Every structure is written in structure tokens, then in C-alpha cells.
PDB file of N, CA and C in Angstrom:
ATOM      1  N   MET A   1      -0.602   5.886 -37.068  1.00  0.00           N
ATOM      2  CA  MET A   1       0.101   6.605 -36.015  1.00  0.00           C
ATOM      3  C   MET A   1      -0.748   6.549 -34.716  1.00  0.00           C
ATOM      4  N   LEU A   2      -2.046   6.953 -34.779  1.00  0.00           N
ATOM      5  CA  LEU A   2      -2.872   6.971 -33.651  1.00  0.00           C
ATOM      6  C   LEU A   2      -3.132   5.601 -33.061  1.00  0.00           C
ATOM      7  N   LEU A   3      -3.141   4.576 -33.860  1.00  0.00           N
ATOM      8  CA  LEU A   3      -3.304   3.184 -33.445  1.00  0.00           C
ATOM      9  C   LEU A   3      -2.041   2.776 -32.615  1.00  0.00           C
ATOM     10  N   ASN A   4      -0.896   3.089 -33.139  1.00  0.00           N
ATOM     11  CA  ASN A   4       0.343   2.879 -32.422  1.00  0.00           C
ATOM     12  C   ASN A   4       0.433   3.479 -31.069  1.00  0.00           C
ATOM     13  N   LEU A   5      -0.051   4.693 -30.962  1.00  0.00           N
ATOM     14  CA  LEU A   5      -0.065   5.451 -29.746  1.00  0.00           C
ATOM     15  C   LEU A   5      -0.944   4.801 -28.772  1.00  0.00           C
ATOM     16  N   ARG A   6      -2.193   4.363 -29.155  1.00  0.00           N
ATOM     17  CA  ARG A   6      -3.087   3.646 -28.257  1.00  0.00           C
ATOM     18  C   ARG A   6      -2.475   2.345 -27.676  1.00  0.00           C
ATOM     19  N   ILE A   7      -1.842   1.625 -28.581  1.00  0.00           N
ATOM     20  CA  ILE A   7      -1.289   0.362 -28.184  1.00  0.00           C
ATOM     21  C   ILE A   7      -0.140   0.638 -27.124  1.00  0.00           C
ATOM     22  N   THR A   8       0.654   1.639 -27.435  1.00  0.00           N
ATOM     23  CA  THR A   8       1.763   1.955 -26.529  1.00  0.00           C
ATOM     24  C   THR A   8       1.227   2.361 -25.158  1.00  0.00           C
ATOM     25  N   LEU A   9       0.171   3.210 -25.127  1.00  0.00           N
ATOM     26  CA  LEU A   9      -0.454   3.672 -23.863  1.00  0.00           C
ATOM     27  C   LEU A   9      -1.022   2.494 -23.100  1.00  0.00           C
ATOM     28  N   LYS A  10      -1.668   1.549 -23.743  1.00  0.00           N
ATOM     29  CA  LYS A  10      -2.220   0.427 -23.110  1.00  0.00           C
ATOM     30  C   LYS A  10      -1.147  -0.435 -22.427  1.00  0.00           C
ATOM     31  N   ARG A  11      -0.037  -0.577 -23.094  1.00  0.00           N
ATOM     32  CA  ARG A  11       1.077  -1.351 -22.503  1.00  0.00           C
ATOM     33  C   ARG A  11       1.685  -0.694 -21.283  1.00  0.00           C
ATOM     34  N   LYS A  12       1.668   0.633 -21.285  1.00  0.00           N
ATOM     35  CA  LYS A  12       2.229   1.328 -20.151  1.00  0.00           C
ATOM     36  C   LYS A  12       1.343   1.509 -18.925  1.00  0.00           C
ATOM     37  N   GLN A  13       0.052   1.188 -19.125  1.00  0.00           N
ATOM     38  CA  GLN A  13      -0.869   1.374 -18.034  1.00  0.00           C
ATOM     39  C   GLN A  13      -0.599   0.344 -16.997  1.00  0.00           C
ATOM     40  N   LYS A  14      -0.612   0.784 -15.730  1.00  0.00           N
ATOM     41  CA  LYS A  14      -0.351  -0.161 -14.654  1.00  0.00           C
ATOM     42  C   LYS A  14      -1.650  -0.707 -14.154  1.00  0.00           C
ATOM     43  N   GLN A  15      -1.716  -2.011 -14.017  1.00  0.00           N
ATOM     44  CA  GLN A  15      -2.892  -2.624 -13.461  1.00  0.00           C
ATOM     45  C   GLN A  15      -2.811  -2.637 -11.944  1.00  0.00           C
ATOM     46  N   ILE A  16      -3.774  -1.936 -11.256  1.00  0.00           N
ATOM     47  CA  ILE A  16      -3.799  -1.854  -9.834  1.00  0.00           C
ATOM     48  C   ILE A  16      -4.778  -2.850  -9.287  1.00  0.00           C
ATOM     49  N   ILE A  17      -4.217  -3.749  -8.452  1.00  0.00           N
ATOM     50  CA  ILE A  17      -5.117  -4.783  -7.827  1.00  0.00           C
ATOM     51  C   ILE A  17      -5.088  -4.463  -6.326  1.00  0.00           C
ATOM     52  N   SER A  18      -6.286  -4.208  -5.805  1.00  0.00           N
ATOM     53  CA  SER A  18      -6.392  -3.828  -4.412  1.00  0.00           C
ATOM     54  C   SER A  18      -6.706  -5.102  -3.573  1.00  0.00           C
ATOM     55  N   LEU A  19      -5.976  -5.305  -2.523  1.00  0.00           N
ATOM     56  CA  LEU A  19      -6.233  -6.353  -1.644  1.00  0.00           C
ATOM     57  C   LEU A  19      -6.607  -5.770  -0.259  1.00  0.00           C
ATOM     58  N   ASN A  20      -7.129  -6.526   0.602  1.00  0.00           N
ATOM     59  CA  ASN A  20      -7.552  -6.021   1.944  1.00  0.00           C
ATOM     60  C   ASN A  20      -6.718  -6.710   2.982  1.00  0.00           C
ATOM     61  N   GLY A  21      -6.442  -6.014   4.021  1.00  0.00           N
ATOM     62  CA  GLY A  21      -5.710  -6.609   5.122  1.00  0.00           C
ATOM     63  C   GLY A  21      -6.203  -6.029   6.458  1.00  0.00           C
ATOM     64  N   ILE A  22      -5.665  -6.597   7.551  1.00  0.00           N
ATOM     65  CA  ILE A  22      -6.053  -6.196   8.866  1.00  0.00           C
ATOM     66  C   ILE A  22      -4.850  -6.128   9.752  1.00  0.00           C
ATOM     67  N   VAL A  23      -4.758  -5.076  10.557  1.00  0.00           N
ATOM     68  CA  VAL A  23      -3.600  -4.806  11.455  1.00  0.00           C
ATOM     69  C   VAL A  23      -3.534  -5.892  12.544  1.00  0.00           C
ATOM     70  N   VAL A  24      -2.396  -6.539  12.663  1.00  0.00           N
ATOM     71  CA  VAL A  24      -2.267  -7.625  13.680  1.00  0.00           C
ATOM     72  C   VAL A  24      -0.920  -7.477  14.364  1.00  0.00           C
ATOM     73  N   ASN A  25      -0.789  -8.229  15.531  1.00  0.00           N
ATOM     74  CA  ASN A  25       0.478  -8.337  16.222  1.00  0.00           C
ATOM     75  C   ASN A  25       1.087  -7.037  16.755  1.00  0.00           C
ATOM     76  N   CYS A  26       0.239  -6.015  16.929  1.00  0.00           N
ATOM     77  CA  CYS A  26       0.728  -4.788  17.604  1.00  0.00           C
ATOM     78  C   CYS A  26      -0.539  -4.024  18.042  1.00  0.00           C
ATOM     79  N   ASP A  27      -0.412  -3.068  18.929  1.00  0.00           N
ATOM     80  CA  ASP A  27      -1.501  -2.221  19.427  1.00  0.00           C
ATOM     81  C   ASP A  27      -1.823  -1.138  18.439  1.00  0.00           C
ATOM     82  N   TYR A  28      -0.712  -0.526  17.852  1.00  0.00           N
ATOM     83  CA  TYR A  28      -0.863   0.529  16.845  1.00  0.00           C
ATOM     84  C   TYR A  28       0.193   0.256  15.824  1.00  0.00           C
ATOM     85  N   LEU A  29      -0.132   0.539  14.499  1.00  0.00           N
ATOM     86  CA  LEU A  29       0.850   0.395  13.444  1.00  0.00           C
ATOM     87  C   LEU A  29       1.063   1.711  12.804  1.00  0.00           C
ATOM     88  N   ARG A  30       2.386   2.002  12.628  1.00  0.00           N
ATOM     89  CA  ARG A  30       2.788   3.307  12.005  1.00  0.00           C
ATOM     90  C   ARG A  30       2.625   3.232  10.508  1.00  0.00           C
ATOM     91  N   VAL A  31       1.995   4.208   9.918  1.00  0.00           N
ATOM     92  CA  VAL A  31       1.957   4.393   8.519  1.00  0.00           C
ATOM     93  C   VAL A  31       2.986   5.473   8.136  1.00  0.00           C
ATOM     94  N   ARG A  32       3.845   5.143   7.302  1.00  0.00           N
ATOM     95  CA  ARG A  32       4.939   5.991   6.941  1.00  0.00           C
ATOM     96  C   ARG A  32       4.889   6.576   5.519  1.00  0.00           C
ATOM     97  N   SER A  33       5.581   7.690   5.330  1.00  0.00           N
ATOM     98  CA  SER A  33       5.550   8.398   4.011  1.00  0.00           C
ATOM     99  C   SER A  33       6.262   7.619   2.941  1.00  0.00           C
ATOM    100  N   LYS A  34       7.196   6.782   3.287  1.00  0.00           N
ATOM    101  CA  LYS A  34       8.054   6.036   2.348  1.00  0.00           C
ATOM    102  C   LYS A  34       8.265   4.625   2.931  1.00  0.00           C
ATOM    103  N   PRO A  35       8.634   3.687   2.062  1.00  0.00           N
ATOM    104  CA  PRO A  35       8.835   2.334   2.504  1.00  0.00           C
ATOM    105  C   PRO A  35      10.196   2.208   3.231  1.00  0.00           C
ATOM    106  N   SER A  36      10.347   2.803   4.398  1.00  0.00           N
ATOM    107  CA  SER A  36      11.530   2.771   5.140  1.00  0.00           C
ATOM    108  C   SER A  36      11.250   2.962   6.675  1.00  0.00           C
ATOM    109  N   LEU A  37      11.936   2.278   7.570  1.00  0.00           N
ATOM    110  CA  LEU A  37      11.682   2.530   8.996  1.00  0.00           C
ATOM    111  C   LEU A  37      12.143   3.872   9.411  1.00  0.00           C
ATOM    112  N   LYS A  38      12.937   4.586   8.631  1.00  0.00           N
ATOM    113  CA  LYS A  38      13.475   5.897   8.889  1.00  0.00           C
ATOM    114  C   LYS A  38      12.553   7.008   8.366  1.00  0.00           C
ATOM    115  N   ALA A  39      11.492   6.642   7.538  1.00  0.00           N
ATOM    116  CA  ALA A  39      10.653   7.614   6.978  1.00  0.00           C
ATOM    117  C   ALA A  39       9.708   8.171   8.043  1.00  0.00           C
ATOM    118  N   GLU A  40       9.215   9.389   7.673  1.00  0.00           N
ATOM    119  CA  GLU A  40       8.299  10.065   8.569  1.00  0.00           C
ATOM    120  C   GLU A  40       6.994   9.275   8.837  1.00  0.00           C
ATOM    121  N   GLU A  41       6.577   9.299  10.124  1.00  0.00           N
ATOM    122  CA  GLU A  41       5.278   8.660  10.488  1.00  0.00           C
ATOM    123  C   GLU A  41       4.202   9.627  10.064  1.00  0.00           C
ATOM    124  N   ILE A  42       3.230   9.109   9.373  1.00  0.00           N
ATOM    125  CA  ILE A  42       2.083   9.943   8.921  1.00  0.00           C
ATOM    126  C   ILE A  42       0.984   9.874   9.926  1.00  0.00           C
ATOM    127  N   VAL A  43       0.671   8.595  10.388  1.00  0.00           N
ATOM    128  CA  VAL A  43      -0.424   8.365  11.329  1.00  0.00           C
ATOM    129  C   VAL A  43      -0.218   6.943  11.972  1.00  0.00           C
ATOM    130  N   LEU A  44      -0.866   6.824  13.092  1.00  0.00           N
ATOM    131  CA  LEU A  44      -0.915   5.449  13.709  1.00  0.00           C
ATOM    132  C   LEU A  44      -2.317   4.906  13.489  1.00  0.00           C
ATOM    133  N   ILE A  45      -2.391   3.621  13.190  1.00  0.00           N
ATOM    134  CA  ILE A  45      -3.685   2.971  13.090  1.00  0.00           C
ATOM    135  C   ILE A  45      -3.745   1.790  14.058  1.00  0.00           C
ATOM    136  N   PRO A  46      -4.911   1.656  14.759  1.00  0.00           N
ATOM    137  CA  PRO A  46      -5.062   0.631  15.779  1.00  0.00           C
ATOM    138  C   PRO A  46      -5.183  -0.770  15.254  1.00  0.00           C
ATOM    139  N   LYS A  47      -4.817  -1.736  16.141  1.00  0.00           N
ATOM    140  CA  LYS A  47      -4.949  -3.122  15.883  1.00  0.00           C
ATOM    141  C   LYS A  47      -6.364  -3.417  15.412  1.00  0.00           C
ATOM    142  N   ASP A  48      -6.544  -4.373  14.502  1.00  0.00           N
ATOM    143  CA  ASP A  48      -7.835  -4.758  13.865  1.00  0.00           C
ATOM    144  C   ASP A  48      -8.415  -3.747  12.909  1.00  0.00           C
ATOM    145  N   SER A  49      -7.638  -2.675  12.578  1.00  0.00           N
ATOM    146  CA  SER A  49      -8.043  -1.815  11.509  1.00  0.00           C
ATOM    147  C   SER A  49      -7.925  -2.526  10.174  1.00  0.00           C
ATOM    148  N   LYS A  50      -8.870  -2.274   9.260  1.00  0.00           N
ATOM    149  CA  LYS A  50      -8.742  -2.681   7.948  1.00  0.00           C
ATOM    150  C   LYS A  50      -8.054  -1.744   7.071  1.00  0.00           C
ATOM    151  N   VAL A  51      -7.251  -2.197   6.098  1.00  0.00           N
ATOM    152  CA  VAL A  51      -6.484  -1.409   5.144  1.00  0.00           C
ATOM    153  C   VAL A  51      -6.669  -1.903   3.796  1.00  0.00           C
ATOM    154  N   SER A  52      -6.640  -1.094   2.743  1.00  0.00           N
ATOM    155  CA  SER A  52      -6.534  -1.553   1.345  1.00  0.00           C
ATOM    156  C   SER A  52      -5.028  -1.508   1.007  1.00  0.00           C
ATOM    157  N   ILE A  53      -4.633  -2.569   0.239  1.00  0.00           N
ATOM    158  CA  ILE A  53      -3.262  -2.686  -0.128  1.00  0.00           C
ATOM    159  C   ILE A  53      -3.151  -2.583  -1.633  1.00  0.00           C
ATOM    160  N   ASP A  54      -2.208  -1.799  -2.133  1.00  0.00           N
ATOM    161  CA  ASP A  54      -1.906  -1.678  -3.563  1.00  0.00           C
ATOM    162  C   ASP A  54      -0.916  -2.791  -3.861  1.00  0.00           C
ATOM    163  N   SER A  55      -1.391  -3.871  -4.400  1.00  0.00           N
ATOM    164  CA  SER A  55      -0.514  -5.050  -4.668  1.00  0.00           C
ATOM    165  C   SER A  55       0.358  -4.836  -5.868  1.00  0.00           C
ATOM    166  N   SER A  56       0.127  -3.792  -6.727  1.00  0.00           N
ATOM    167  CA  SER A  56       0.943  -3.539  -7.841  1.00  0.00           C
ATOM    168  C   SER A  56       2.185  -2.821  -7.534  1.00  0.00           C
ATOM    169  N   SER A  57       2.275  -2.308  -6.310  1.00  0.00           N
ATOM    170  CA  SER A  57       3.524  -1.587  -5.865  1.00  0.00           C
ATOM    171  C   SER A  57       4.655  -2.541  -5.591  1.00  0.00           C
ATOM    172  N   LYS A  58       5.721  -2.406  -6.201  1.00  0.00           N
ATOM    173  CA  LYS A  58       6.857  -3.300  -6.094  1.00  0.00           C
ATOM    174  C   LYS A  58       7.994  -2.565  -5.455  1.00  0.00           C
ATOM    175  N   GLU A  59       7.744  -1.443  -4.744  1.00  0.00           N
ATOM    176  CA  GLU A  59       8.810  -0.578  -4.160  1.00  0.00           C
ATOM    177  C   GLU A  59       9.580  -1.278  -3.080  1.00  0.00           C
ATOM    178  N   SER A  60       8.992  -2.203  -2.317  1.00  0.00           N
ATOM    179  CA  SER A  60       9.686  -2.782  -1.205  1.00  0.00           C
ATOM    180  C   SER A  60       9.218  -4.153  -0.945  1.00  0.00           C
ATOM    181  N   LYS A  61      10.158  -5.010  -0.498  1.00  0.00           N
ATOM    182  CA  LYS A  61       9.777  -6.371  -0.103  1.00  0.00           C
ATOM    183  C   LYS A  61       9.298  -6.486   1.359  1.00  0.00           C
ATOM    184  N   ASP A  62       9.508  -5.364   2.103  1.00  0.00           N
ATOM    185  CA  ASP A  62       9.227  -5.468   3.553  1.00  0.00           C
ATOM    186  C   ASP A  62       7.964  -4.556   3.870  1.00  0.00           C
ATOM    187  N   PHE A  63       7.467  -3.792   2.921  1.00  0.00           N
ATOM    188  CA  PHE A  63       6.354  -2.870   3.182  1.00  0.00           C
ATOM    189  C   PHE A  63       5.230  -3.039   2.175  1.00  0.00           C
ATOM    190  N   TYR A  64       4.012  -2.729   2.629  1.00  0.00           N
ATOM    191  CA  TYR A  64       2.858  -2.658   1.736  1.00  0.00           C
ATOM    192  C   TYR A  64       2.583  -1.160   1.563  1.00  0.00           C
ATOM    193  N   LYS A  65       2.149  -0.877   0.369  1.00  0.00           N
ATOM    194  CA  LYS A  65       1.589   0.492   0.113  1.00  0.00           C
ATOM    195  C   LYS A  65       0.095   0.325   0.501  1.00  0.00           C
ATOM    196  N   VAL A  66      -0.374   1.224   1.444  1.00  0.00           N
ATOM    197  CA  VAL A  66      -1.669   1.043   1.987  1.00  0.00           C
ATOM    198  C   VAL A  66      -2.584   2.308   1.885  1.00  0.00           C
ATOM    199  N   LEU A  67      -3.837   2.063   2.030  1.00  0.00           N
ATOM    200  CA  LEU A  67      -4.791   3.173   2.143  1.00  0.00           C
ATOM    201  C   LEU A  67      -5.577   2.838   3.409  1.00  0.00           C
ATOM    202  N   THR A  68      -5.583   3.758   4.399  1.00  0.00           N
ATOM    203  CA  THR A  68      -6.210   3.545   5.681  1.00  0.00           C
ATOM    204  C   THR A  68      -7.672   3.813   5.599  1.00  0.00           C
ATOM    205  N   PRO A  69      -8.485   3.460   6.575  1.00  0.00           N
ATOM    206  CA  PRO A  69      -9.922   3.739   6.598  1.00  0.00           C
ATOM    207  C   PRO A  69     -10.270   5.235   6.505  1.00  0.00           C
ATOM    208  N   ASP A  70      -9.376   6.160   6.966  1.00  0.00           N
ATOM    209  CA  ASP A  70      -9.581   7.613   6.918  1.00  0.00           C
ATOM    210  C   ASP A  70      -9.106   8.259   5.643  1.00  0.00           C
ATOM    211  N   GLY A  71      -8.509   7.379   4.721  1.00  0.00           N
ATOM    212  CA  GLY A  71      -8.063   7.864   3.403  1.00  0.00           C
ATOM    213  C   GLY A  71      -6.616   8.247   3.337  1.00  0.00           C
ATOM    214  N   THR A  72      -5.863   7.973   4.406  1.00  0.00           N
ATOM    215  CA  THR A  72      -4.388   8.225   4.390  1.00  0.00           C
ATOM    216  C   THR A  72      -3.666   7.179   3.534  1.00  0.00           C
ATOM    217  N   LYS A  73      -2.808   7.624   2.711  1.00  0.00           N
ATOM    218  CA  LYS A  73      -1.996   6.766   1.884  1.00  0.00           C
ATOM    219  C   LYS A  73      -0.597   6.769   2.446  1.00  0.00           C
ATOM    220  N   GLY A  74       0.080   5.540   2.577  1.00  0.00           N
ATOM    221  CA  GLY A  74       1.406   5.423   3.038  1.00  0.00           C
ATOM    222  C   GLY A  74       1.906   4.053   2.930  1.00  0.00           C
ATOM    223  N   TYR A  75       2.818   3.698   3.825  1.00  0.00           N
ATOM    224  CA  TYR A  75       3.526   2.382   3.783  1.00  0.00           C
ATOM    225  C   TYR A  75       3.525   1.818   5.177  1.00  0.00           C
ATOM    226  N   CYS A  76       3.290   0.489   5.265  1.00  0.00           N
ATOM    227  CA  CYS A  76       3.296  -0.252   6.567  1.00  0.00           C
ATOM    228  C   CYS A  76       4.173  -1.522   6.430  1.00  0.00           C
ATOM    229  N   VAL A  77       4.773  -1.848   7.499  1.00  0.00           N
ATOM    230  CA  VAL A  77       5.610  -3.073   7.502  1.00  0.00           C
ATOM    231  C   VAL A  77       4.662  -4.313   7.301  1.00  0.00           C
ATOM    232  N   LYS A  78       5.008  -5.133   6.402  1.00  0.00           N
ATOM    233  CA  LYS A  78       4.190  -6.309   6.061  1.00  0.00           C
ATOM    234  C   LYS A  78       3.846  -7.259   7.162  1.00  0.00           C
ATOM    235  N   GLU A  79       4.829  -7.461   8.058  1.00  0.00           N
ATOM    236  CA  GLU A  79       4.588  -8.463   9.148  1.00  0.00           C
ATOM    237  C   GLU A  79       3.442  -8.061  10.094  1.00  0.00           C
ATOM    238  N   TYR A  80       2.976  -6.832  10.021  1.00  0.00           N
ATOM    239  CA  TYR A  80       1.922  -6.420  10.983  1.00  0.00           C
ATOM    240  C   TYR A  80       0.567  -6.279  10.160  1.00  0.00           C
ATOM    241  N   ILE A  81       0.538  -6.863   8.966  1.00  0.00           N
ATOM    242  CA  ILE A  81      -0.787  -6.798   8.189  1.00  0.00           C
ATOM    243  C   ILE A  81      -1.034  -8.222   7.712  1.00  0.00           C
ATOM    244  N   LYS A  82      -2.174  -8.712   8.129  1.00  0.00           N
ATOM    245  CA  LYS A  82      -2.609 -10.055   7.706  1.00  0.00           C
ATOM    246  C   LYS A  82      -3.545  -9.844   6.500  1.00  0.00           C
ATOM    247  N   LEU A  83      -3.271 -10.541   5.371  1.00  0.00           N
ATOM    248  CA  LEU A  83      -4.136 -10.427   4.194  1.00  0.00           C
ATOM    249  C   LEU A  83      -5.414 -11.165   4.414  1.00  0.00           C
ATOM    250  N   LEU A  84      -6.487 -10.564   3.950  1.00  0.00           N
ATOM    251  CA  LEU A  84      -7.859 -11.139   4.093  1.00  0.00           C
ATOM    252  C   LEU A  84      -8.315 -11.872   2.833  1.00  0.00           C
TER     253      LEU A  84
END
């Protein structure tokens, strides 16, 4: 029983792969609370800022789930982030 539980837990664990990106094509990029243009703006980050991207997030084809340099977590439009 315990062995089956461990196998089940391992299958359900989500592998998080973090990528790096940089803000491009704008002076400031909005970080939003959800992957939607209508979602609340959490913070603005300037051009050339580096962000970490959670590539395991499949919530949206148009947004990346990001972590900003100051530790803010949110969503940014993909077209404004160049992968490094």
C-alpha cells in the first residue's frame, strides 16, 4: 500500500523548469495577477529587466508565468519577453 502511494505521488508531482527571459519591445511591461489583459496589474517592470519563467505553466498560450527580480509572481504577455 505504501509503495503504491509513493508511485502515485511521484506521478502527480509537477516538474518545474525555470527559463530566463528579458523584457523587450516596450519601456515598461505590466505584470498581471492572471493570464488576461483584463486582470489586475501587480507591478510594472522596465525594459531589459530579467525575469524567471515557469515553463511548466500551461495556463495560457499568450502569457508567461513569471517571477520578477523583486520576487513578484504574475503573468506577462509573451511577445514582450525574449527567452535567453
